[in-house]
Protein backbone atom coordinates (compact mmCIF):
# COMPACT_ATOMS: atom_id res chain seq x y z
CA MET A 1 -30.20 18.89 4.42
CA LEU A 2 -28.73 19.00 7.93
CA GLY A 3 -27.29 15.52 7.42
CA ALA A 4 -25.47 16.62 4.27
CA LEU A 5 -24.11 19.70 6.05
CA LYS A 6 -22.88 17.63 8.99
CA ALA A 7 -21.29 15.16 6.55
CA GLU A 8 -19.43 18.03 4.89
CA ILE A 9 -18.09 19.21 8.26
CA LEU A 10 -16.92 15.68 9.12
CA PHE A 11 -15.30 15.37 5.69
CA SER A 12 -13.40 18.63 6.21
CA LYS A 13 -12.14 17.48 9.63
CA ALA A 14 -11.08 14.12 8.17
CA GLN A 15 -9.04 15.84 5.47
CA LYS A 16 -7.18 17.85 8.11
CA LEU A 17 -6.36 14.63 9.98
CA VAL A 18 -5.00 13.12 6.75
CA LEU A 19 -2.64 16.08 6.40
CA GLN A 20 -1.45 15.32 9.93
CA GLU A 21 -0.95 11.64 8.90
CA LYS A 22 -3.59 10.54 11.44
CA TYR A 23 -5.10 8.14 8.96
CA ASN A 24 -7.05 5.87 11.30
CA ASP A 25 -8.69 8.85 13.01
CA ALA A 26 -9.50 10.30 9.60
CA LEU A 27 -11.09 7.03 8.46
CA GLU A 28 -13.51 7.12 11.39
CA LEU A 29 -14.72 10.56 10.29
CA PHE A 30 -14.91 9.54 6.63
CA ASP A 31 -17.14 6.61 7.66
CA LYS A 32 -19.42 8.90 9.66
CA ALA A 33 -19.65 11.28 6.71
CA ILE A 34 -20.54 8.41 4.36
CA ALA A 35 -23.23 7.20 6.76
CA LEU A 36 -24.84 10.65 6.53
CA ASN A 37 -24.41 11.05 2.76
CA GLU A 38 -23.70 7.97 0.64
CA LYS A 39 -23.81 9.95 -2.62
CA ASP A 40 -20.80 12.18 -1.99
CA SER A 41 -18.11 10.84 -4.34
CA ALA A 42 -15.43 13.13 -2.84
CA VAL A 43 -15.64 11.36 0.52
CA PHE A 44 -15.10 7.96 -1.09
CA ILE A 45 -12.09 9.05 -3.15
CA HIS A 46 -10.39 10.79 -0.22
CA LYS A 47 -11.08 7.79 2.01
CA ALA A 48 -9.48 5.65 -0.71
CA LEU A 49 -6.34 7.79 -0.63
CA ALA A 50 -6.15 7.59 3.17
CA VAL A 51 -6.59 3.80 3.10
CA SER A 52 -3.87 3.50 0.47
CA GLN A 53 -1.47 5.33 2.80
CA LEU A 54 -1.92 2.40 5.18
CA GLY A 55 -1.02 -0.07 2.44
CA ARG A 56 -4.56 -1.46 2.15
CA TYR A 57 -4.61 -1.24 -1.61
CA ASN A 58 -7.45 -3.65 -2.44
CA GLU A 59 -9.77 -1.74 -0.12
CA ALA A 60 -8.57 1.57 -1.54
CA ILE A 61 -9.24 0.41 -5.10
CA LYS A 62 -12.84 -0.55 -4.25
CA LEU A 63 -13.42 2.83 -2.62
CA ALA A 64 -11.98 4.69 -5.62
CA GLU A 65 -14.13 2.62 -7.97
CA LYS A 66 -17.18 3.53 -5.87
CA ALA A 67 -16.30 7.22 -6.23
CA ILE A 68 -15.99 6.78 -10.00
CA SER A 69 -19.36 5.02 -10.16
CA LEU A 70 -20.90 8.11 -8.54
CA LYS A 71 -19.04 10.54 -10.81
CA PRO A 72 -17.86 8.61 -13.89
CA GLN A 73 -16.54 11.58 -15.88
CA ASN A 74 -14.17 12.83 -13.20
CA ALA A 75 -10.63 12.72 -14.62
CA VAL A 76 -9.03 13.32 -11.22
CA TYR A 77 -10.68 10.22 -9.73
CA TYR A 78 -9.20 8.03 -12.47
CA ALA A 79 -5.80 9.62 -11.82
CA PHE A 80 -6.10 8.85 -8.10
CA LEU A 81 -7.13 5.25 -8.85
CA GLY A 82 -4.12 5.00 -11.16
CA MET A 83 -1.81 6.19 -8.38
CA ILE A 84 -3.24 3.56 -6.03
CA HIS A 85 -2.61 0.85 -8.65
CA TYR A 86 0.88 2.28 -9.21
CA ASP A 87 1.72 2.17 -5.51
CA SER A 88 0.53 -1.45 -5.34
CA GLU A 89 2.90 -2.14 -8.30
CA ASN A 90 0.05 -3.00 -10.66
CA TYR A 91 1.47 -0.84 -13.43
CA GLU A 92 -0.70 -2.14 -16.26
CA GLU A 93 -3.90 -1.15 -14.44
CA ALA A 94 -2.29 2.16 -13.47
CA ILE A 95 -1.61 2.97 -17.12
CA LYS A 96 -5.22 2.13 -18.06
CA CYS A 97 -6.47 4.57 -15.42
CA PHE A 98 -4.10 7.34 -16.49
CA LYS A 99 -5.14 6.85 -20.12
CA LYS A 100 -8.81 7.06 -19.12
CA SER A 101 -8.12 10.24 -17.18
CA ASN A 102 -6.44 11.71 -20.25
CA GLU A 103 -9.40 10.76 -22.44
CA ILE A 104 -11.64 12.84 -20.17
CA ASP A 105 -9.16 15.72 -19.77
CA SER A 106 -6.60 15.71 -22.58
CA GLU A 107 -5.01 18.96 -21.34
CA ASN A 108 -3.79 17.43 -18.07
CA ALA A 109 0.01 17.03 -18.17
CA GLN A 110 -0.12 15.39 -14.74
CA THR A 111 -1.65 12.12 -15.96
CA THR A 112 0.56 12.11 -19.06
CA CYS A 113 3.56 12.22 -16.72
CA LEU A 114 2.13 9.57 -14.41
CA GLU A 115 1.48 7.24 -17.34
CA ASN A 116 5.09 7.55 -18.45
CA VAL A 117 6.40 7.02 -14.92
CA ALA A 118 4.45 3.74 -14.91
CA ARG A 119 5.93 2.85 -18.30
CA ILE A 120 9.45 3.26 -16.90
CA ALA A 121 8.45 1.04 -13.98
CA MET A 122 7.42 -1.59 -16.54
CA GLY A 123 10.83 -1.45 -18.21
CA GLU A 124 10.41 1.09 -21.01
CA VAL A 125 13.09 3.77 -21.28
CA GLU A 126 13.54 5.93 -24.36
CA GLU A 127 10.03 7.25 -25.13
CA PRO A 128 8.82 7.81 -21.54
CA VAL A 129 12.07 9.55 -20.59
CA LEU A 130 11.71 11.82 -23.62
CA VAL A 131 8.16 12.77 -22.58
CA LEU A 132 9.08 13.28 -18.93
CA ARG A 133 12.10 15.46 -19.71
CA GLU A 134 9.70 17.80 -21.48
CA LYS A 135 6.70 17.69 -19.14
CA ILE A 136 7.77 16.74 -15.60
CA HIS A 137 8.02 20.40 -14.55
CA LEU A 138 4.25 20.63 -15.15
CA ALA A 139 3.46 17.77 -12.75
CA ASN A 140 2.72 18.11 -9.04
CA SER A 141 4.82 16.74 -6.19
CA GLU A 142 2.84 13.47 -6.04
CA CYS A 143 4.04 12.63 -9.53
CA LYS A 144 7.55 14.02 -9.09
CA SER A 145 8.18 12.13 -5.85
CA ARG A 146 7.12 8.83 -7.47
CA LEU A 147 9.48 9.50 -10.35
CA LEU A 148 12.36 10.39 -8.03
CA VAL A 149 11.86 7.16 -6.08
CA LEU A 150 11.74 5.15 -9.30
CA LEU A 151 14.87 6.69 -10.85
CA GLU A 152 16.90 6.53 -7.63
CA ARG A 153 15.77 2.93 -7.09
CA LYS A 154 16.69 1.77 -10.60
CA ILE A 155 20.05 3.56 -10.57
CA SER A 156 20.84 2.18 -7.11
CA GLU A 157 20.04 -1.34 -8.29
CA SER A 158 22.30 -0.93 -11.34
CA LEU A 159 25.43 0.47 -9.71
CA ASP A 160 27.75 -0.58 -6.93
CA ASP A 161 27.55 1.48 -3.75
CA GLU A 162 30.66 3.55 -4.40
CA LYS A 163 29.46 4.74 -7.82
CA TYR A 164 25.94 5.35 -6.51
CA ASN A 165 27.23 7.46 -3.62
CA VAL A 166 28.91 9.78 -6.14
CA ILE A 167 25.59 10.28 -7.90
CA THR A 168 23.70 11.01 -4.69
CA LYS A 169 26.04 13.90 -3.87
CA LYS A 170 25.47 15.76 -7.15
CA HIS A 171 23.66 19.10 -6.56
CA PHE A 172 24.22 18.93 -2.79
CA GLU A 173 27.75 20.39 -2.69
CA ASN A 174 26.56 23.89 -1.78
CA GLU A 175 24.17 22.85 0.98
CA GLU A 176 25.03 23.63 4.60
CA LEU A 177 25.93 20.51 6.57
CA THR A 178 25.42 20.22 10.30
CA MET A 179 27.32 17.47 12.11
CA ASN A 180 24.22 15.29 12.26
CA ILE A 181 23.68 15.60 8.50
CA LEU A 182 27.36 14.91 7.84
CA PHE A 183 27.30 11.80 10.02
CA GLY A 184 24.05 10.76 8.35
CA ILE A 185 25.72 10.90 4.93
CA ILE A 186 28.80 9.06 6.18
CA TYR A 187 26.70 6.28 7.68
CA PHE A 188 24.68 6.11 4.46
CA GLU A 189 27.90 5.61 2.49
CA MET A 190 28.92 2.92 4.98
CA LYS A 191 25.57 1.16 4.36
CA GLU A 192 24.59 1.60 8.02
CA TYR A 193 21.15 2.92 7.18
CA ASP A 194 19.65 2.78 10.68
CA LYS A 195 22.45 4.99 12.03
CA ALA A 196 22.16 7.26 9.00
CA GLU A 197 18.43 7.72 9.60
CA SER A 198 18.95 8.37 13.29
CA ASN A 199 21.38 11.22 12.60
CA LEU A 200 19.30 12.66 9.75
CA LEU A 201 16.13 12.62 11.85
CA ALA A 202 17.99 14.40 14.65
CA SER A 203 19.18 17.03 12.18
CA ILE A 204 15.59 17.86 11.20
CA GLU A 205 14.91 19.17 14.71
CA THR A 206 17.45 21.98 14.30
CA SER A 207 18.00 22.41 10.56
CA PRO A 208 15.34 20.85 8.36
CA GLY A 209 16.17 21.10 4.69
CA VAL A 210 16.44 19.43 1.33
CA ILE A 211 19.55 17.39 2.01
CA ASN A 212 18.40 15.58 5.16
CA TYR A 213 14.96 14.92 3.67
CA TYR A 214 16.50 13.65 0.44
CA TYR A 215 18.95 11.35 2.21
CA LEU A 216 16.16 10.02 4.42
CA GLY A 217 14.39 9.13 1.17
CA LEU A 218 17.52 7.39 -0.10
CA CYS A 219 17.80 5.41 3.15
CA ARG A 220 14.22 4.24 2.69
CA ILE A 221 14.95 3.18 -0.89
CA LYS A 222 17.87 1.10 0.34
CA LYS A 223 15.51 -0.50 2.87
CA GLY A 224 12.87 -1.17 0.22
CA ASP A 225 10.31 1.16 1.79
CA TYR A 226 9.35 3.12 -1.33
CA LYS A 227 6.21 4.67 0.15
CA LYS A 228 8.20 6.35 2.92
CA ALA A 229 10.90 7.33 0.43
CA GLN A 230 8.21 9.10 -1.57
CA TYR A 231 7.12 10.91 1.60
CA TRP A 232 10.64 12.23 2.26
CA PHE A 233 11.18 13.28 -1.36
CA ASN A 234 7.91 15.20 -1.19
CA LYS A 235 9.28 17.03 1.87
CA ALA A 236 12.56 17.74 0.05
CA MET A 237 10.75 19.28 -2.91
CA GLY A 238 8.83 21.55 -0.55
CA CYS A 239 12.04 23.18 0.69
CA LYS A 240 13.41 26.45 -0.62
CA SER A 241 16.95 25.62 -1.48
CA ILE A 242 19.82 25.94 -3.93
CA PHE A 243 18.75 22.43 -4.97
CA ASN A 244 17.04 22.59 -8.37
CA THR A 245 14.49 19.85 -8.99
CA LYS A 246 14.65 20.13 -12.79
CA GLU A 247 18.42 19.82 -12.80
CA ARG A 248 18.17 16.82 -10.48
CA PHE A 249 15.70 15.11 -12.82
CA ASP A 250 17.81 15.82 -15.91
CA TYR A 251 20.87 14.45 -14.12
CA LEU A 252 19.04 11.32 -12.97
CA PHE A 253 17.56 10.78 -16.44
CA ASP A 254 21.10 10.90 -17.87
CA GLU A 255 22.40 8.43 -15.28
CA PHE A 256 19.38 6.17 -15.72
CA GLU A 257 19.85 6.02 -19.49
CA LYS A 258 23.55 5.23 -19.00
CA CYS A 259 22.61 2.35 -16.69
CA THR A 260 20.05 0.94 -19.12
CA ARG A 261 22.52 1.17 -22.03
CA GLY A 262 25.05 -0.67 -19.90
CA HIS A 263 22.72 -3.65 -19.60
């Protein structure tokens, strides 16, 4: 009884460390909690998510599967396993997990959205875009940020830099620009992404907001670091701003469909 209580305290502390992005410190506490209580599925799934943040996807998958073995009818666990597969670019397995999650909880719009994000990643367009236009507002930021990364990435890969830069500016015209943000955007348009990031990061110290977070995400897409891009888009969506996420998605869906029709 005392062991289980101590494990719960360690688990709670580990979760706080994860929120602070102190993943290695969190993993130590997760391991201690597991040593005290090997039957707590929640510890295994949250350890899996922390491990996945470090890019150790095979290990994360095994941990998530262990959690599912302890609690096989948990729809959320299958959704988390699907996200790990998605982030490791194993989209077929991701879709299987999202489908399984939906079988257990058919009312969950989150996994419906995630499944269709994975379908776009696999090259489908018309049907998943139709579903996401209708349901993406019901999804949480974890799903929305993955979709934003995917759409921005595919549009960026389809257009030359000048045309893409026009798209990035849509919905940002009314945002306040400090000099650091302005220079960050200019360097981004000049394809000097290190200098762009340096200015945008400096701008966060005095005026954090949607535009610097969003452009930091775009810089990371250009560098091929999609995990960090997702992190910055998550931050952008957490800001109160004139920026409207639904309008941004609708706009990106339109541009994405134009790009796919052009090929």
